[in-house]
Amino acid sequence: MFDFVNNLLQVVAQVGQAASEAAAPVAMTPDSGMLHFVAQSDVVGKSLFGILIFMSLITWYLIFVKSFTNMRTHRHSRRFLHEFWAASSLEQVENEIATHGATEPFAHVTSHAIHARNHHAKYGALKLEEKGSTSAFVTRMIRKVIDEETAKLENGLTVLASIGSTAPFIGLFGTVWGVYHALVGIGLSDGVNINRIAGPVGEALIMTGLGLAVAIPAVLAYNAFVRANRVYLAQLDAFAHDLFTFLSTGQQVIESRTGGNVRNMAVAASKKD
C-alpha cells in the first residue's frame, strides 16, 4: 500500500516538473508589440515613431479645423447669396455688408468690387494700380480678391499632401532600420530559432503599418478638400462674372440657371454717383 502511494507521488512530481519546464520558455518569451518595439529601439527608431505620431496629430487637426471652417463658410455664403439676389439695389447690399460685415468670399468680392467702381468713378486713377478704365480696375480688384480667397481656402492643403506622400516612406525607413538591428542582434546571439527572427521582424513591420495609417487619412482629406474648393471657387467665379456684368452695364438680369434650378436675380440698377 505504501509502495503504491510513493509511486503515485513520484508520478505527480514528475508531471509537475515537466509542466514547469514546458511553461518556462513561455514565461521567458519577451513582450511584443508597438510599445515594446519603441522601447527596445534606438534614438533613430524613437525619432521616426515620434515624427509619425506628430504627423498624425497635424493631419487630424487640419481635418477637423478645415471641415468646420468650410462648413461655416459655405453656410454664410448661401445666406449672403440669398440676401444679395433678393436685394432691391446695390445700396441695400452695401448697407447689409456694412451692418453684418464681409465674413466670407462672396461678400468680400462684392464689397471690394462696389468700392472699386465707386472710387474709380469718383476720383479717377490716382495711383498707378488704378490706371485704365473703370471696368479694367474693377476686373483687377475682383481677380485680386479671388486670388486671396483661393489662398485662404488652400491653406493647410500643402501640409496634408506632404504628409500623405512622405509618411509611408518614413514608416518603411523605420521598418528597415528595425529589421537591420534585429538581424544584428540575432547574429550576435548564440542560438537562432524562429522566435528570435519572427518577433523582432514582426515588430519592425509595425512602423510600415503606422506610416500607412498616417498617410491614408491625409490623402483622403486632401482629395476631399481639393474637390470642395474647386466646386466652391467655380461658383465664386460665376458670381464674380455676374457681378462684373451688372456693375459694368447696370442692367437687370432676369433669371439664371444654376444646377437646373431657376433663381430670381432681378436687381434694380444702382444710381451713379
Protein backbone atom coordinates (compact mmCIF):
# COMPACT_ATOMS: atom_id res chain seq x y z
CA MET A 1 0.00 0.00 0.00
CA PHE A 2 2.80 2.39 0.95
CA ASP A 3 4.72 1.47 -2.18
CA PHE A 4 1.69 2.38 -4.31
CA VAL A 5 1.36 5.79 -2.62
CA ASN A 6 5.07 6.52 -3.07
CA ASN A 7 4.92 5.63 -6.73
CA LEU A 8 1.87 7.87 -7.18
CA LEU A 9 3.63 10.79 -5.50
CA GLN A 10 6.68 10.32 -7.72
CA VAL A 11 4.50 10.37 -10.85
CA VAL A 12 2.74 13.56 -9.72
CA ALA A 13 6.12 15.21 -9.00
CA GLN A 14 7.45 14.26 -12.43
CA VAL A 15 4.33 15.61 -14.16
CA GLY A 16 4.60 18.90 -12.23
CA GLN A 17 8.29 19.24 -13.09
CA ALA A 18 7.58 18.61 -16.78
CA ALA A 19 4.78 21.17 -16.76
CA SER A 20 7.01 23.79 -15.16
CA GLU A 21 9.77 23.13 -17.69
CA ALA A 22 7.27 23.45 -20.56
CA ALA A 23 5.91 26.71 -19.18
CA ALA A 24 9.34 28.22 -18.59
CA PRO A 25 10.03 29.17 -22.24
CA VAL A 26 6.61 30.82 -22.48
CA ALA A 27 7.30 32.90 -19.41
CA MET A 28 10.70 33.88 -20.81
CA THR A 29 9.22 34.93 -24.16
CA PRO A 30 9.76 38.69 -24.47
CA ASP A 31 6.82 41.02 -24.83
CA SER A 32 5.87 42.06 -28.34
CA GLY A 33 4.00 44.95 -29.86
CA MET A 34 4.45 48.57 -30.80
CA LEU A 35 5.38 49.83 -27.34
CA HIS A 36 7.93 47.05 -26.89
CA PHE A 37 9.45 47.85 -30.28
CA VAL A 38 9.69 51.55 -29.42
CA ALA A 39 11.19 50.77 -26.01
CA GLN A 40 13.83 48.48 -27.50
CA SER A 41 14.69 50.74 -30.46
CA ASP A 42 17.48 53.31 -30.55
CA VAL A 43 17.32 57.07 -30.98
CA VAL A 44 16.59 56.81 -34.71
CA GLY A 45 13.66 54.43 -34.21
CA LYS A 46 12.16 56.54 -31.43
CA SER A 47 12.58 59.69 -33.54
CA LEU A 48 10.80 58.13 -36.53
CA PHE A 49 7.97 56.95 -34.27
CA GLY A 50 7.63 60.44 -32.80
CA ILE A 51 7.60 62.03 -36.26
CA LEU A 52 4.77 59.75 -37.42
CA ILE A 53 2.73 60.48 -34.28
CA PHE A 54 3.29 64.22 -34.80
CA MET A 55 2.21 63.93 -38.44
CA SER A 56 -0.94 62.10 -37.39
CA LEU A 57 -1.84 64.81 -34.88
CA ILE A 58 -1.32 67.53 -37.50
CA THR A 59 -3.44 65.61 -40.03
CA TRP A 60 -6.42 65.19 -37.75
CA TYR A 61 -6.13 68.78 -36.51
CA LEU A 62 -6.29 70.09 -40.09
CA ILE A 63 -9.14 67.73 -40.95
CA PHE A 64 -11.32 68.94 -38.08
CA VAL A 65 -10.41 72.63 -38.37
CA LYS A 66 -10.79 72.87 -42.15
CA SER A 67 -14.02 70.85 -42.12
CA PHE A 68 -15.56 73.17 -39.55
CA THR A 69 -14.27 76.28 -41.34
CA ASN A 70 -15.53 75.14 -44.75
CA MET A 71 -18.97 74.26 -43.39
CA ARG A 72 -19.28 77.67 -41.73
CA THR A 73 -18.06 79.48 -44.87
CA HIS A 74 -20.50 77.62 -47.14
CA ARG A 75 -23.39 78.37 -44.79
CA HIS A 76 -22.56 82.09 -44.70
CA SER A 77 -22.12 82.15 -48.48
CA ARG A 78 -25.54 80.64 -49.10
CA ARG A 79 -27.11 83.19 -46.78
CA PHE A 80 -25.29 86.09 -48.44
CA LEU A 81 -26.24 84.96 -51.96
CA HIS A 82 -29.87 84.71 -50.93
CA GLU A 83 -29.77 88.23 -49.48
CA PHE A 84 -27.84 89.63 -52.46
CA TRP A 85 -30.20 88.44 -55.17
CA ALA A 86 -33.22 89.40 -53.06
CA ALA A 87 -31.95 92.98 -52.60
CA SER A 88 -33.58 95.84 -54.47
CA SER A 89 -30.36 97.76 -55.20
CA LEU A 90 -26.62 97.71 -54.66
CA GLU A 91 -27.04 100.37 -51.97
CA GLN A 92 -29.03 97.87 -49.94
CA VAL A 93 -26.32 95.26 -50.46
CA GLU A 94 -23.69 97.76 -49.28
CA ASN A 95 -25.73 98.50 -46.18
CA GLU A 96 -26.09 94.80 -45.41
CA ILE A 97 -22.33 94.27 -45.77
CA ALA A 98 -21.60 97.32 -43.61
CA THR A 99 -24.01 96.04 -40.95
CA HIS A 100 -23.08 92.36 -40.83
CA GLY A 101 -19.55 92.56 -42.25
CA ALA A 102 -17.90 90.62 -45.06
CA THR A 103 -17.43 87.25 -43.39
CA GLU A 104 -17.00 85.05 -46.47
CA PRO A 105 -15.56 85.23 -50.03
CA PHE A 106 -18.75 86.26 -51.86
CA ALA A 107 -19.23 89.25 -49.58
CA HIS A 108 -15.54 90.16 -49.90
CA VAL A 109 -15.74 90.15 -53.70
CA THR A 110 -18.93 92.20 -53.71
CA SER A 111 -17.67 94.75 -51.22
CA HIS A 112 -14.35 95.33 -52.98
CA ALA A 113 -15.93 95.42 -56.45
CA ILE A 114 -18.54 98.02 -55.47
CA HIS A 115 -15.96 100.10 -53.64
CA ALA A 116 -13.56 99.92 -56.62
CA ARG A 117 -16.24 101.04 -59.06
CA ASN A 118 -17.39 103.93 -56.89
CA HIS A 119 -13.86 105.04 -56.07
CA HIS A 120 -12.65 104.97 -59.68
CA ALA A 121 -15.77 106.71 -60.95
CA LYS A 122 -15.46 109.46 -58.35
CA TYR A 123 -11.71 110.07 -58.06
CA GLY A 124 -10.33 108.54 -61.25
CA ALA A 125 -6.85 106.97 -61.47
CA LEU A 126 -4.92 108.47 -58.55
CA LYS A 127 -2.37 105.65 -58.34
CA LEU A 128 -0.53 103.51 -60.82
CA GLU A 129 -2.57 100.44 -59.83
CA GLU A 130 -5.75 102.37 -60.68
CA LYS A 131 -4.75 103.19 -64.25
CA GLY A 132 -7.14 102.21 -67.02
CA SER A 133 -10.88 102.25 -67.35
CA THR A 134 -13.32 101.61 -64.54
CA SER A 135 -14.13 98.15 -65.89
CA ALA A 136 -10.45 97.21 -66.03
CA PHE A 137 -9.88 98.44 -62.48
CA VAL A 138 -12.90 96.53 -61.18
CA THR A 139 -11.72 93.39 -63.00
CA ARG A 140 -8.29 93.61 -61.39
CA MET A 141 -9.81 94.14 -57.97
CA ILE A 142 -12.14 91.15 -58.34
CA ARG A 143 -9.31 88.93 -59.52
CA LYS A 144 -7.13 90.08 -56.63
CA VAL A 145 -9.80 89.25 -54.06
CA ILE A 146 -10.48 85.86 -55.66
CA ASP A 147 -6.76 85.04 -55.55
CA GLU A 148 -6.63 85.97 -51.87
CA GLU A 149 -9.66 83.85 -51.06
CA THR A 150 -8.20 80.94 -53.04
CA ALA A 151 -5.01 81.13 -50.98
CA LYS A 152 -7.08 81.06 -47.78
CA LEU A 153 -9.05 78.02 -48.93
CA GLU A 154 -5.87 76.18 -49.87
CA ASN A 155 -4.21 76.90 -46.54
CA GLY A 156 -3.04 73.62 -44.99
CA LEU A 157 -3.50 71.52 -48.11
CA THR A 158 0.24 71.51 -48.81
CA VAL A 159 0.84 70.05 -45.35
CA LEU A 160 -1.73 67.30 -45.94
CA ALA A 161 -0.21 66.48 -49.33
CA SER A 162 3.29 66.36 -47.85
CA ILE A 163 2.20 64.07 -45.00
CA GLY A 164 0.31 61.78 -47.37
CA SER A 165 3.33 61.39 -49.64
CA THR A 166 6.12 61.09 -47.04
CA ALA A 167 4.56 59.15 -44.14
CA PRO A 168 4.71 55.72 -45.90
CA PHE A 169 8.40 56.21 -46.68
CA ILE A 170 9.15 57.26 -43.10
CA GLY A 171 7.38 54.13 -41.86
CA LEU A 172 9.30 52.00 -44.37
CA PHE A 173 12.57 53.51 -43.25
CA GLY A 174 11.66 52.68 -39.65
CA THR A 175 10.95 49.08 -40.67
CA VAL A 176 14.27 48.75 -42.48
CA TRP A 177 16.10 50.23 -39.52
CA GLY A 178 14.32 47.89 -37.10
CA VAL A 179 14.97 44.80 -39.22
CA TYR A 180 18.65 45.75 -39.51
CA HIS A 181 19.05 45.97 -35.75
CA ALA A 182 17.06 42.76 -35.27
CA LEU A 183 19.34 40.86 -37.66
CA VAL A 184 22.43 42.28 -35.98
CA GLY A 185 21.13 41.14 -32.60
CA ILE A 186 20.33 37.68 -33.98
CA GLY A 187 23.81 37.41 -35.47
CA LEU A 188 25.43 38.23 -32.12
CA SER A 189 23.31 35.73 -30.17
CA ASP A 190 24.34 32.10 -29.57
CA GLY A 191 21.23 30.25 -30.66
CA VAL A 192 18.98 31.04 -33.61
CA ASN A 193 15.34 29.90 -33.80
CA ILE A 194 12.14 31.06 -35.39
CA ASN A 195 11.07 33.02 -32.31
CA ARG A 196 14.20 35.14 -32.32
CA ILE A 197 13.65 36.01 -36.00
CA ALA A 198 9.87 36.42 -36.24
CA GLY A 199 9.46 38.57 -33.14
CA PRO A 200 11.83 41.46 -33.95
CA VAL A 201 10.97 41.44 -37.65
CA GLY A 202 7.23 41.48 -36.92
CA GLU A 203 7.71 44.39 -34.53
CA ALA A 204 9.69 46.29 -37.16
CA LEU A 205 6.82 45.91 -39.65
CA ILE A 206 4.65 47.92 -37.24
CA MET A 207 6.40 51.08 -38.46
CA THR A 208 5.24 50.46 -42.03
CA GLY A 209 1.67 49.98 -40.82
CA LEU A 210 1.88 53.15 -38.76
CA GLY A 211 3.14 55.09 -41.77
CA LEU A 212 0.20 53.89 -43.86
CA ALA A 213 -2.23 54.69 -41.04
CA VAL A 214 -0.93 58.27 -41.02
CA ALA A 215 -0.85 58.68 -44.82
CA ILE A 216 -4.28 57.30 -45.76
CA PRO A 217 -6.40 59.88 -43.84
CA ALA A 218 -4.14 62.68 -45.10
CA VAL A 219 -4.55 61.66 -48.74
CA LEU A 220 -8.32 61.18 -48.46
CA ALA A 221 -8.76 64.53 -46.70
CA TYR A 222 -6.56 66.29 -49.26
CA ASN A 223 -8.60 64.96 -52.19
CA ALA A 224 -11.89 65.85 -50.48
CA PHE A 225 -10.78 69.41 -49.69
CA VAL A 226 -9.38 69.95 -53.19
CA ARG A 227 -12.66 68.89 -54.80
CA ALA A 228 -14.74 71.02 -52.42
CA ASN A 229 -12.54 74.04 -53.09
CA ARG A 230 -12.76 73.52 -56.85
CA VAL A 231 -16.56 73.48 -56.76
CA TYR A 232 -16.72 76.47 -54.41
CA LEU A 233 -14.29 78.55 -56.48
CA ALA A 234 -16.21 77.75 -59.65
CA GLN A 235 -19.34 79.16 -58.01
CA LEU A 236 -17.34 82.20 -56.88
CA ASP A 237 -16.06 82.81 -60.42
CA ALA A 238 -19.57 82.56 -61.84
CA PHE A 239 -20.86 85.02 -59.25
CA ALA A 240 -17.96 87.40 -59.95
CA HIS A 241 -18.82 87.31 -63.66
CA ASP A 242 -22.47 88.15 -62.95
CA LEU A 243 -21.43 90.91 -60.54
CA PHE A 244 -18.98 92.43 -63.01
CA THR A 245 -21.58 92.35 -65.78
CA PHE A 246 -24.09 94.16 -63.60
CA LEU A 247 -21.55 96.73 -62.39
CA SER A 248 -20.42 97.41 -65.95
CA THR A 249 -23.83 97.65 -67.64
CA GLY A 250 -26.19 98.42 -64.77
CA GLN A 251 -28.83 96.26 -66.46
CA GLN A 252 -31.17 93.80 -64.83
CA VAL A 253 -30.54 90.10 -65.07
CA ILE A 254 -33.96 88.45 -65.24
CA GLU A 255 -33.09 84.87 -64.35
CA SER A 256 -30.22 82.41 -64.39
CA ARG A 257 -29.99 78.64 -64.12
CA THR A 258 -27.57 77.12 -61.64
CA GLY A 259 -27.61 73.34 -61.39
CA GLY A 260 -31.03 73.14 -63.04
CA ASN A 261 -32.71 75.47 -60.54
CA VAL A 262 -34.07 78.82 -61.70
CA ARG A 263 -33.33 81.62 -59.27
CA ASN A 264 -34.66 85.14 -59.35
CA MET A 265 -31.88 87.61 -59.97
CA ALA A 266 -33.80 90.82 -60.62
CA VAL A 267 -31.74 93.66 -59.23
CA ALA A 268 -32.53 97.30 -59.76
CA ALA A 269 -29.82 99.44 -61.34
CA SER A 270 -28.00 101.48 -58.74
CA LYS A 271 -27.72 105.23 -59.03
CA LYS A 272 -24.49 106.54 -60.40
CA ASP A 273 -22.52 108.81 -58.09
